[in-house]
Amino acid sequence: LRPDERDTEAEREKNNQSGFSHVFSIYPHVET
């Protein structure tokens, strides 16, 4: 991957993590 592609992937992963955290805060019983 080019550096910019790797940065985009890292940004996407960070967004996914925050999204999961958001869902987990709403549905704490959901296994991820």
N, C-alpha and C. Protein backbone atom coordinates (compact mmCIF):
# COMPACT_ATOMS: atom_id res chain seq x y z
N LEU A 1 0.83 -1.21 0.00
CA LEU A 1 0.00 0.00 0.00
C LEU A 1 0.86 1.25 0.00
N ARG A 2 0.38 2.28 -0.69
CA ARG A 2 1.06 3.57 -0.62
C ARG A 2 0.77 4.18 0.74
N PRO A 3 1.65 5.08 1.20
CA PRO A 3 1.44 5.70 2.51
C PRO A 3 0.05 6.32 2.68
N ASP A 4 -0.43 6.98 1.62
CA ASP A 4 -1.75 7.62 1.73
C ASP A 4 -2.86 6.58 1.83
N GLU A 5 -2.69 5.43 1.16
CA GLU A 5 -3.68 4.37 1.26
C GLU A 5 -3.68 3.76 2.66
N ARG A 6 -2.47 3.59 3.21
CA ARG A 6 -2.37 3.04 4.56
C ARG A 6 -3.03 3.99 5.57
N ASP A 7 -2.81 5.30 5.39
CA ASP A 7 -3.43 6.30 6.28
C ASP A 7 -4.95 6.24 6.16
N THR A 8 -5.45 6.07 4.94
CA THR A 8 -6.90 6.00 4.74
C THR A 8 -7.45 4.76 5.42
N GLU A 9 -6.74 3.65 5.31
CA GLU A 9 -7.18 2.41 5.95
C GLU A 9 -7.18 2.55 7.46
N ALA A 10 -6.16 3.20 8.00
CA ALA A 10 -6.09 3.42 9.45
C ALA A 10 -7.23 4.32 9.91
N GLU A 11 -7.53 5.33 9.11
CA GLU A 11 -8.63 6.25 9.44
C GLU A 11 -9.96 5.50 9.42
N ARG A 12 -10.12 4.63 8.41
CA ARG A 12 -11.35 3.85 8.31
C ARG A 12 -11.48 2.91 9.51
N GLU A 13 -10.38 2.30 9.89
CA GLU A 13 -10.39 1.39 11.04
C GLU A 13 -10.73 2.15 12.31
N LYS A 14 -10.17 3.36 12.46
CA LYS A 14 -10.47 4.17 13.65
C LYS A 14 -11.96 4.53 13.67
N ASN A 15 -12.51 4.86 12.50
CA ASN A 15 -13.94 5.19 12.42
C ASN A 15 -14.78 3.97 12.76
N ASN A 16 -14.35 2.78 12.31
CA ASN A 16 -15.06 1.55 12.63
C ASN A 16 -15.05 1.31 14.13
N GLN A 17 -13.89 1.51 14.75
CA GLN A 17 -13.78 1.30 16.20
C GLN A 17 -14.71 2.24 16.95
N SER A 18 -14.74 3.50 16.58
CA SER A 18 -15.60 4.46 17.26
C SER A 18 -17.07 4.12 17.02
N GLY A 19 -17.37 3.61 15.83
CA GLY A 19 -18.73 3.19 15.52
C GLY A 19 -19.14 2.02 16.38
N PHE A 20 -18.25 1.04 16.54
CA PHE A 20 -18.55 -0.10 17.40
C PHE A 20 -18.72 0.34 18.85
N SER A 21 -17.89 1.25 19.29
CA SER A 21 -17.99 1.76 20.66
C SER A 21 -19.33 2.45 20.86
N HIS A 22 -19.78 3.17 19.84
CA HIS A 22 -21.05 3.88 19.92
C HIS A 22 -22.19 2.88 20.02
N VAL A 23 -22.17 1.85 19.19
CA VAL A 23 -23.20 0.82 19.22
C VAL A 23 -23.16 0.08 20.56
N PHE A 24 -21.95 -0.21 21.01
CA PHE A 24 -21.80 -0.93 22.28
C PHE A 24 -22.36 -0.13 23.44
N SER A 25 -22.21 1.19 23.39
CA SER A 25 -22.73 2.05 24.47
C SER A 25 -24.26 2.04 24.45
N ILE A 26 -24.85 1.87 23.28
CA ILE A 26 -26.31 1.84 23.16
C ILE A 26 -26.84 0.44 23.51
N TYR A 27 -26.13 -0.58 23.01
CA TYR A 27 -26.54 -1.96 23.24
C TYR A 27 -25.42 -2.71 23.96
N PRO A 28 -25.24 -2.45 25.26
CA PRO A 28 -24.13 -3.06 26.01
C PRO A 28 -24.21 -4.58 26.08
N HIS A 29 -25.37 -5.15 25.79
CA HIS A 29 -25.52 -6.60 25.87
C HIS A 29 -25.07 -7.30 24.59
N VAL A 30 -24.86 -6.52 23.53
CA VAL A 30 -24.48 -7.11 22.25
C VAL A 30 -23.02 -7.56 22.26
N GLU A 31 -22.81 -8.81 21.91
CA GLU A 31 -21.43 -9.32 21.79
C GLU A 31 -20.86 -8.86 20.46
N THR A 32 -19.65 -8.32 20.47
CA THR A 32 -19.04 -7.83 19.24
C THR A 32 -17.98 -8.80 18.75
